[in-house]
């Protein structure tokens, strides 16, 4: 019993980021290291899936890749029509990267980067900045500013507030769900080893996909708002 209590006390220490090394004034944390590992795995997976090249008649890994692309096209077209396909590079990168980070918790002893609020905040800020840049590129600076007084001028304060809230919403939603799921599984692994955590981890597989999907879907919505208006 004392051993279990001690392990439970160490659960949060396992989930919270810690400093690994310092390069001058720059601190490299465990989250940064884990993110690099996920990126290496992701690049290796992409290299493996695309090593056979692409063919006019899809086969092998190309079938899977085209299914993912069509899935993302569906999200973009639902928000912006066929015109939205040109933003695949944004939503596709986000979806695949977040999904890989979410599912990295299946690596024994690995803490997914998305359980760190700093990671989800960085993703959220980057996403919102990109949507604004695309809005300016699509509509021009004047059209971009006009978006804030649409559909009527009185909506200006609400539209500004909405843009301020967006990154917080994206970051906290992804962080809260992933951190909570990882915490529950870690505690169950201590209290009921092997048996109970397995189905919960399978639920975590679904949760990882759903959270990546929600983040991507919201990105499509925000892109549509900035490039096509409210």
C-alpha atoms as a PDB file:
ATOM      1  CA  UNK A   1       0.000   0.000   0.000  1.00  0.00           C
ATOM      2  CA  UNK A   2       2.820   2.407   0.854  1.00  0.00           C
ATOM      3  CA  UNK A   3       4.367   1.693  -2.549  1.00  0.00           C
ATOM      4  CA  UNK A   4       1.080   2.510  -4.331  1.00  0.00           C
ATOM      5  CA  UNK A   5       0.684   5.757  -2.374  1.00  0.00           C
ATOM      6  CA  UNK A   6       4.233   6.728  -3.275  1.00  0.00           C
ATOM      7  CA  UNK A   7       3.589   5.985  -6.959  1.00  0.00           C
ATOM      8  CA  UNK A   8       0.395   8.066  -6.900  1.00  0.00           C
ATOM      9  CA  UNK A   9       2.327  10.961  -5.380  1.00  0.00           C
ATOM     10  CA  UNK A  10       4.778  10.727  -8.281  1.00  0.00           C
ATOM     11  CA  UNK A  11       2.077  10.763 -10.982  1.00  0.00           C
ATOM     12  CA  UNK A  12       2.068  14.549 -11.385  1.00  0.00           C
ATOM     13  CA  UNK A  13       5.865  14.660 -11.390  1.00  0.00           C
ATOM     14  CA  UNK A  14       5.780  12.268 -14.344  1.00  0.00           C
ATOM     15  CA  UNK A  15       3.255  14.369 -16.287  1.00  0.00           C
ATOM     16  CA  UNK A  16       4.698  17.834 -15.681  1.00  0.00           C
ATOM     17  CA  UNK A  17       7.532  19.051 -17.927  1.00  0.00           C
ATOM     18  CA  UNK A  18      11.021  19.475 -16.502  1.00  0.00           C
ATOM     19  CA  UNK A  19      14.262  21.072 -17.645  1.00  0.00           C
ATOM     20  CA  UNK A  20      16.621  18.750 -19.508  1.00  0.00           C
ATOM     21  CA  UNK A  21      19.496  21.020 -20.498  1.00  0.00           C
ATOM     22  CA  UNK A  22      20.451  24.638 -21.009  1.00  0.00           C
ATOM     23  CA  UNK A  23      21.996  26.114 -24.143  1.00  0.00           C
ATOM     24  CA  UNK A  24      22.998  29.602 -23.084  1.00  0.00           C
ATOM     25  CA  UNK A  25      19.815  31.424 -22.096  1.00  0.00           C
ATOM     26  CA  UNK A  26      17.648  28.791 -23.818  1.00  0.00           C
ATOM     27  CA  UNK A  27      16.136  26.016 -21.704  1.00  0.00           C
ATOM     28  CA  UNK A  28      15.333  22.709 -23.392  1.00  0.00           C
ATOM     29  CA  UNK A  29      12.483  20.993 -21.555  1.00  0.00           C
ATOM     30  CA  UNK A  30      11.228  17.410 -21.655  1.00  0.00           C
ATOM     31  CA  UNK A  31       8.283  18.594 -23.763  1.00  0.00           C
ATOM     32  CA  UNK A  32      10.640  19.960 -26.420  1.00  0.00           C
ATOM     33  CA  UNK A  33      12.583  16.676 -26.484  1.00  0.00           C
ATOM     34  CA  UNK A  34       9.358  14.673 -26.763  1.00  0.00           C
ATOM     35  CA  UNK A  35       8.147  16.930 -29.581  1.00  0.00           C
ATOM     36  CA  UNK A  36      11.404  16.341 -31.473  1.00  0.00           C
ATOM     37  CA  UNK A  37      10.945  12.589 -31.031  1.00  0.00           C
ATOM     38  CA  UNK A  38       7.394  12.797 -32.410  1.00  0.00           C
ATOM     39  CA  UNK A  39       8.659  14.839 -35.369  1.00  0.00           C
ATOM     40  CA  UNK A  40      11.340  12.244 -36.136  1.00  0.00           C
ATOM     41  CA  UNK A  41       8.757   9.449 -35.989  1.00  0.00           C
ATOM     42  CA  UNK A  42       6.407  11.489 -38.186  1.00  0.00           C
ATOM     43  CA  UNK A  43       9.083  12.183 -40.810  1.00  0.00           C
ATOM     44  CA  UNK A  44      10.069   8.507 -40.806  1.00  0.00           C
ATOM     45  CA  UNK A  45       6.432   7.463 -41.257  1.00  0.00           C
ATOM     46  CA  UNK A  46       5.940   9.895 -44.150  1.00  0.00           C
ATOM     47  CA  UNK A  47       9.142   8.645 -45.798  1.00  0.00           C
ATOM     48  CA  UNK A  48       7.996   5.039 -45.388  1.00  0.00           C
ATOM     49  CA  UNK A  49       4.501   5.688 -46.744  1.00  0.00           C
ATOM     50  CA  UNK A  50       5.689   7.653 -49.765  1.00  0.00           C
ATOM     51  CA  UNK A  51       8.751   5.609 -50.735  1.00  0.00           C
ATOM     52  CA  UNK A  52       6.812   3.822 -53.480  1.00  0.00           C
ATOM     53  CA  UNK A  53       5.866   7.109 -55.132  1.00  0.00           C
ATOM     54  CA  UNK A  54       2.390   8.010 -56.385  1.00  0.00           C
ATOM     55  CA  UNK A  55       0.537   6.278 -59.197  1.00  0.00           C
ATOM     56  CA  UNK A  56      -2.451   7.150 -61.348  1.00  0.00           C
ATOM     57  CA  UNK A  57      -4.234   4.088 -59.970  1.00  0.00           C
ATOM     58  CA  UNK A  58      -3.741   4.257 -56.175  1.00  0.00           C
ATOM     59  CA  UNK A  59      -2.326   1.202 -54.449  1.00  0.00           C
ATOM     60  CA  UNK A  60      -0.751   0.333 -51.150  1.00  0.00           C
ATOM     61  CA  UNK A  61       0.040   3.247 -48.846  1.00  0.00           C
ATOM     62  CA  UNK A  62      -1.171   5.718 -51.470  1.00  0.00           C
ATOM     63  CA  UNK A  63      -4.741   4.549 -50.868  1.00  0.00           C
ATOM     64  CA  UNK A  64      -4.436   5.423 -47.171  1.00  0.00           C
ATOM     65  CA  UNK A  65      -2.833   8.803 -47.913  1.00  0.00           C
ATOM     66  CA  UNK A  66      -5.560   9.708 -50.395  1.00  0.00           C
ATOM     67  CA  UNK A  67      -8.226   8.718 -47.862  1.00  0.00           C
ATOM     68  CA  UNK A  68      -6.716  11.136 -45.340  1.00  0.00           C
ATOM     69  CA  UNK A  69      -6.471  13.882 -47.968  1.00  0.00           C
ATOM     70  CA  UNK A  70     -10.088  13.369 -49.049  1.00  0.00           C
ATOM     71  CA  UNK A  71     -11.165  13.474 -45.405  1.00  0.00           C
ATOM     72  CA  UNK A  72      -9.420  16.830 -44.962  1.00  0.00           C
ATOM     73  CA  UNK A  73     -10.801  18.109 -48.259  1.00  0.00           C
ATOM     74  CA  UNK A  74     -14.258  17.298 -46.914  1.00  0.00           C
ATOM     75  CA  UNK A  75     -13.664  19.495 -43.858  1.00  0.00           C
ATOM     76  CA  UNK A  76     -12.353  22.378 -45.968  1.00  0.00           C
ATOM     77  CA  UNK A  77     -15.117  22.168 -48.551  1.00  0.00           C
ATOM     78  CA  UNK A  78     -17.739  22.029 -45.819  1.00  0.00           C
ATOM     79  CA  UNK A  79     -16.493  25.373 -44.514  1.00  0.00           C
ATOM     80  CA  UNK A  80     -15.379  27.159 -47.705  1.00  0.00           C
ATOM     81  CA  UNK A  81     -16.399  25.114 -50.734  1.00  0.00           C
ATOM     82  CA  UNK A  82     -13.916  23.916 -53.363  1.00  0.00           C
ATOM     83  CA  UNK A  83     -11.975  27.131 -52.831  1.00  0.00           C
ATOM     84  CA  UNK A  84     -10.953  25.855 -49.402  1.00  0.00           C
ATOM     85  CA  UNK A  85      -8.821  23.035 -50.831  1.00  0.00           C
ATOM     86  CA  UNK A  86      -5.864  25.374 -51.226  1.00  0.00           C
ATOM     87  CA  UNK A  87      -5.548  25.526 -47.425  1.00  0.00           C
ATOM     88  CA  UNK A  88      -4.836  21.796 -47.157  1.00  0.00           C
ATOM     89  CA  UNK A  89      -1.232  22.550 -46.252  1.00  0.00           C
ATOM     90  CA  UNK A  90      -2.412  24.288 -43.084  1.00  0.00           C
ATOM     91  CA  UNK A  91      -5.130  21.949 -41.830  1.00  0.00           C
ATOM     92  CA  UNK A  92      -3.335  18.827 -43.054  1.00  0.00           C
ATOM     93  CA  UNK A  93      -0.133  19.701 -41.204  1.00  0.00           C
ATOM     94  CA  UNK A  94      -2.046  20.514 -38.027  1.00  0.00           C
ATOM     95  CA  UNK A  95      -4.191  17.382 -38.108  1.00  0.00           C
ATOM     96  CA  UNK A  96      -1.338  14.939 -38.724  1.00  0.00           C
ATOM     97  CA  UNK A  97       1.071  16.618 -36.273  1.00  0.00           C
ATOM     98  CA  UNK A  98      -1.490  16.867 -33.453  1.00  0.00           C
ATOM     99  CA  UNK A  99      -2.687  13.307 -34.067  1.00  0.00           C
ATOM    100  CA  UNK A 100       0.861  11.945 -33.827  1.00  0.00           C
ATOM    101  CA  UNK A 101       1.494  13.920 -30.633  1.00  0.00           C
ATOM    102  CA  UNK A 102      -1.786  12.733 -29.104  1.00  0.00           C
ATOM    103  CA  UNK A 103      -1.107   9.093 -29.911  1.00  0.00           C
ATOM    104  CA  UNK A 104       2.503   9.209 -28.722  1.00  0.00           C
ATOM    105  CA  UNK A 105       1.285   8.357 -25.230  1.00  0.00           C
ATOM    106  CA  UNK A 106       1.213   4.702 -26.352  1.00  0.00           C
ATOM    107  CA  UNK A 107       5.007   4.776 -26.162  1.00  0.00           C
ATOM    108  CA  UNK A 108       5.779   3.359 -22.672  1.00  0.00           C
ATOM    109  CA  UNK A 109       6.831   6.085 -20.266  1.00  0.00           C
ATOM    110  CA  UNK A 110       6.300   8.793 -22.879  1.00  0.00           C
ATOM    111  CA  UNK A 111       4.451  12.004 -22.027  1.00  0.00           C
ATOM    112  CA  UNK A 112       2.582  13.414 -25.074  1.00  0.00           C
ATOM    113  CA  UNK A 113       3.583  17.027 -25.844  1.00  0.00           C
ATOM    114  CA  UNK A 114      -0.115  17.962 -26.010  1.00  0.00           C
ATOM    115  CA  UNK A 115      -0.407  17.373 -22.253  1.00  0.00           C
ATOM    116  CA  UNK A 116       1.692  20.541 -21.848  1.00  0.00           C
ATOM    117  CA  UNK A 117      -0.223  23.818 -22.077  1.00  0.00           C
ATOM    118  CA  UNK A 118       2.838  25.463 -23.651  1.00  0.00           C
ATOM    119  CA  UNK A 119       2.588  23.127 -26.659  1.00  0.00           C
ATOM    120  CA  UNK A 120      -1.137  23.616 -27.176  1.00  0.00           C
ATOM    121  CA  UNK A 121      -0.765  27.380 -26.693  1.00  0.00           C
ATOM    122  CA  UNK A 122       1.968  27.500 -29.345  1.00  0.00           C
ATOM    123  CA  UNK A 123      -0.227  25.502 -31.736  1.00  0.00           C
ATOM    124  CA  UNK A 124      -3.221  27.743 -31.049  1.00  0.00           C
ATOM    125  CA  UNK A 125      -1.325  31.019 -31.491  1.00  0.00           C
ATOM    126  CA  UNK A 126       0.326  29.784 -34.694  1.00  0.00           C
ATOM    127  CA  UNK A 127      -3.046  28.695 -36.058  1.00  0.00           C
ATOM    128  CA  UNK A 128      -4.773  31.991 -35.317  1.00  0.00           C
ATOM    129  CA  UNK A 129      -1.901  34.023 -36.760  1.00  0.00           C
ATOM    130  CA  UNK A 130      -2.039  31.921 -39.944  1.00  0.00           C
ATOM    131  CA  UNK A 131      -5.794  32.456 -40.291  1.00  0.00           C
ATOM    132  CA  UNK A 132      -5.295  36.228 -40.050  1.00  0.00           C
ATOM    133  CA  UNK A 133      -2.447  36.167 -42.563  1.00  0.00           C
ATOM    134  CA  UNK A 134      -4.599  34.159 -44.978  1.00  0.00           C
ATOM    135  CA  UNK A 135      -7.462  36.605 -44.421  1.00  0.00           C
ATOM    136  CA  UNK A 136      -5.271  39.579 -45.358  1.00  0.00           C
ATOM    137  CA  UNK A 137      -3.855  37.697 -48.361  1.00  0.00           C
ATOM    138  CA  UNK A 138      -7.325  36.717 -49.581  1.00  0.00           C
ATOM    139  CA  UNK A 139      -9.229  39.966 -49.028  1.00  0.00           C
ATOM    140  CA  UNK A 140      -6.557  42.635 -48.776  1.00  0.00           C
ATOM    141  CA  UNK A 141      -5.920  44.680 -45.645  1.00  0.00           C
ATOM    142  CA  UNK A 142      -9.003  46.842 -46.145  1.00  0.00           C
ATOM    143  CA  UNK A 143     -11.244  43.831 -46.638  1.00  0.00           C
ATOM    144  CA  UNK A 144      -9.652  42.160 -43.629  1.00  0.00           C
ATOM    145  CA  UNK A 145     -10.461  45.137 -41.404  1.00  0.00           C
ATOM    146  CA  UNK A 146     -13.987  45.287 -42.810  1.00  0.00           C
ATOM    147  CA  UNK A 147     -14.474  41.757 -41.523  1.00  0.00           C
ATOM    148  CA  UNK A 148     -14.539  43.138 -37.980  1.00  0.00           C
ATOM    149  CA  UNK A 149     -17.534  45.380 -38.660  1.00  0.00           C
ATOM    150  CA  UNK A 150     -19.553  42.647 -40.338  1.00  0.00           C
ATOM    151  CA  UNK A 151     -22.450  42.188 -40.483  1.00  0.00           C
ATOM    152  CA  UNK A 152     -22.952  45.583 -38.740  1.00  0.00           C
ATOM    153  CA  UNK A 153     -20.562  48.126 -37.165  1.00  0.00           C
ATOM    154  CA  UNK A 154     -21.972  47.531 -33.688  1.00  0.00           C
ATOM    155  CA  UNK A 155     -20.444  44.027 -33.812  1.00  0.00           C
ATOM    156  CA  UNK A 156     -16.878  45.424 -33.754  1.00  0.00           C
ATOM    157  CA  UNK A 157     -16.264  44.872 -29.991  1.00  0.00           C
ATOM    158  CA  UNK A 158     -17.736  41.355 -30.128  1.00  0.00           C
ATOM    159  CA  UNK A 159     -15.712  40.415 -33.200  1.00  0.00           C
ATOM    160  CA  UNK A 160     -12.484  41.646 -31.580  1.00  0.00           C
ATOM    161  CA  UNK A 161     -13.302  39.762 -28.382  1.00  0.00           C
ATOM    162  CA  UNK A 162     -13.993  36.642 -30.423  1.00  0.00           C
ATOM    163  CA  UNK A 163     -10.525  36.793 -31.981  1.00  0.00           C
ATOM    164  CA  UNK A 164      -8.924  37.226 -28.542  1.00  0.00           C
ATOM    165  CA  UNK A 165     -10.785  34.217 -27.152  1.00  0.00           C
ATOM    166  CA  UNK A 166     -10.024  31.861 -30.058  1.00  0.00           C
ATOM    167  CA  UNK A 167      -6.423  30.910 -29.144  1.00  0.00           C
ATOM    168  CA  UNK A 168      -7.399  30.358 -25.499  1.00  0.00           C
ATOM    169  CA  UNK A 169     -10.269  28.119 -26.583  1.00  0.00           C
ATOM    170  CA  UNK A 170      -8.071  26.043 -28.894  1.00  0.00           C
ATOM    171  CA  UNK A 171      -5.231  25.693 -26.398  1.00  0.00           C
ATOM    172  CA  UNK A 172      -7.248  24.892 -23.271  1.00  0.00           C
ATOM    173  CA  UNK A 173      -9.586  22.429 -25.004  1.00  0.00           C
ATOM    174  CA  UNK A 174      -6.746  20.321 -26.412  1.00  0.00           C
ATOM    175  CA  UNK A 175      -4.604  20.546 -23.281  1.00  0.00           C
ATOM    176  CA  UNK A 176      -7.446  19.803 -20.858  1.00  0.00           C
ATOM    177  CA  UNK A 177      -8.665  16.712 -22.665  1.00  0.00           C
ATOM    178  CA  UNK A 178      -5.242  15.198 -23.291  1.00  0.00           C
ATOM    179  CA  UNK A 179      -3.860  15.987 -19.836  1.00  0.00           C
ATOM    180  CA  UNK A 180      -6.981  14.617 -18.151  1.00  0.00           C
ATOM    181  CA  UNK A 181      -6.934  11.419 -20.211  1.00  0.00           C
ATOM    182  CA  UNK A 182      -3.242  10.780 -19.579  1.00  0.00           C
ATOM    183  CA  UNK A 183      -3.666  11.464 -15.857  1.00  0.00           C
ATOM    184  CA  UNK A 184      -6.571   9.014 -15.529  1.00  0.00           C
ATOM    185  CA  UNK A 185      -4.725   6.242 -17.376  1.00  0.00           C
ATOM    186  CA  UNK A 186      -1.548   6.779 -15.361  1.00  0.00           C
ATOM    187  CA  UNK A 187      -3.447   6.576 -12.067  1.00  0.00           C
ATOM    188  CA  UNK A 188      -5.353   3.469 -13.189  1.00  0.00           C
ATOM    189  CA  UNK A 189      -2.089   1.862 -14.255  1.00  0.00           C
ATOM    190  CA  UNK A 190      -0.880   2.267 -10.666  1.00  0.00           C
ATOM    191  CA  UNK A 191      -4.080   1.130  -8.945  1.00  0.00           C
ATOM    192  CA  UNK A 192      -5.108  -1.682 -11.301  1.00  0.00           C
ATOM    193  CA  UNK A 193      -2.083  -2.680 -13.399  1.00  0.00           C
ATOM    194  CA  UNK A 194      -2.610  -4.167 -16.898  1.00  0.00           C
ATOM    195  CA  UNK A 195      -6.337  -5.016 -16.679  1.00  0.00           C
ATOM    196  CA  UNK A 196      -8.247  -1.748 -16.378  1.00  0.00           C
ATOM    197  CA  UNK A 197      -5.955   0.702 -18.196  1.00  0.00           C
ATOM    198  CA  UNK A 198      -6.117  -1.276 -21.467  1.00  0.00           C
ATOM    199  CA  UNK A 199      -9.731  -0.408 -22.412  1.00  0.00           C
ATOM    200  CA  UNK A 200      -9.142   3.150 -21.196  1.00  0.00           C
ATOM    201  CA  UNK A 201      -6.111   3.389 -23.472  1.00  0.00           C
ATOM    202  CA  UNK A 202      -8.234   2.165 -26.374  1.00  0.00           C
ATOM    203  CA  UNK A 203     -10.629   4.975 -25.517  1.00  0.00           C
ATOM    204  CA  UNK A 204      -7.573   7.235 -25.524  1.00  0.00           C
ATOM    205  CA  UNK A 205      -6.893   6.200 -29.116  1.00  0.00           C
ATOM    206  CA  UNK A 206     -10.341   7.477 -30.053  1.00  0.00           C
ATOM    207  CA  UNK A 207      -9.884  10.574 -27.894  1.00  0.00           C
ATOM    208  CA  UNK A 208      -6.585  11.398 -29.599  1.00  0.00           C
ATOM    209  CA  UNK A 209      -8.247  11.284 -33.002  1.00  0.00           C
ATOM    210  CA  UNK A 210     -11.284  13.277 -31.859  1.00  0.00           C
ATOM    211  CA  UNK A 211      -9.159  16.055 -30.341  1.00  0.00           C
ATOM    212  CA  UNK A 212      -7.059  16.343 -33.508  1.00  0.00           C
ATOM    213  CA  UNK A 213     -10.277  16.397 -35.523  1.00  0.00           C
ATOM    214  CA  UNK A 214     -11.884  19.122 -33.377  1.00  0.00           C
ATOM    215  CA  UNK A 215      -8.774  21.319 -33.542  1.00  0.00           C
ATOM    216  CA  UNK A 216      -8.666  20.907 -37.330  1.00  0.00           C
ATOM    217  CA  UNK A 217     -12.398  21.513 -37.743  1.00  0.00           C
ATOM    218  CA  UNK A 218     -12.204  24.730 -35.728  1.00  0.00           C
ATOM    219  CA  UNK A 219      -9.222  25.820 -37.812  1.00  0.00           C
ATOM    220  CA  UNK A 220     -11.311  25.341 -40.961  1.00  0.00           C
ATOM    221  CA  UNK A 221     -14.079  27.428 -39.407  1.00  0.00           C
ATOM    222  CA  UNK A 222     -11.677  30.214 -38.420  1.00  0.00           C
ATOM    223  CA  UNK A 223     -10.122  30.190 -41.896  1.00  0.00           C
ATOM    224  CA  UNK A 224     -13.571  30.482 -43.438  1.00  0.00           C
ATOM    225  CA  UNK A 225     -14.399  33.428 -41.175  1.00  0.00           C
ATOM    226  CA  UNK A 226     -11.217  35.328 -42.067  1.00  0.00           C
ATOM    227  CA  UNK A 227     -11.239  34.600 -45.797  1.00  0.00           C
ATOM    228  CA  UNK A 228     -14.989  34.707 -46.486  1.00  0.00           C
ATOM    229  CA  UNK A 229     -16.408  36.785 -43.636  1.00  0.00           C
ATOM    230  CA  UNK A 230     -18.897  36.079 -40.881  1.00  0.00           C
END
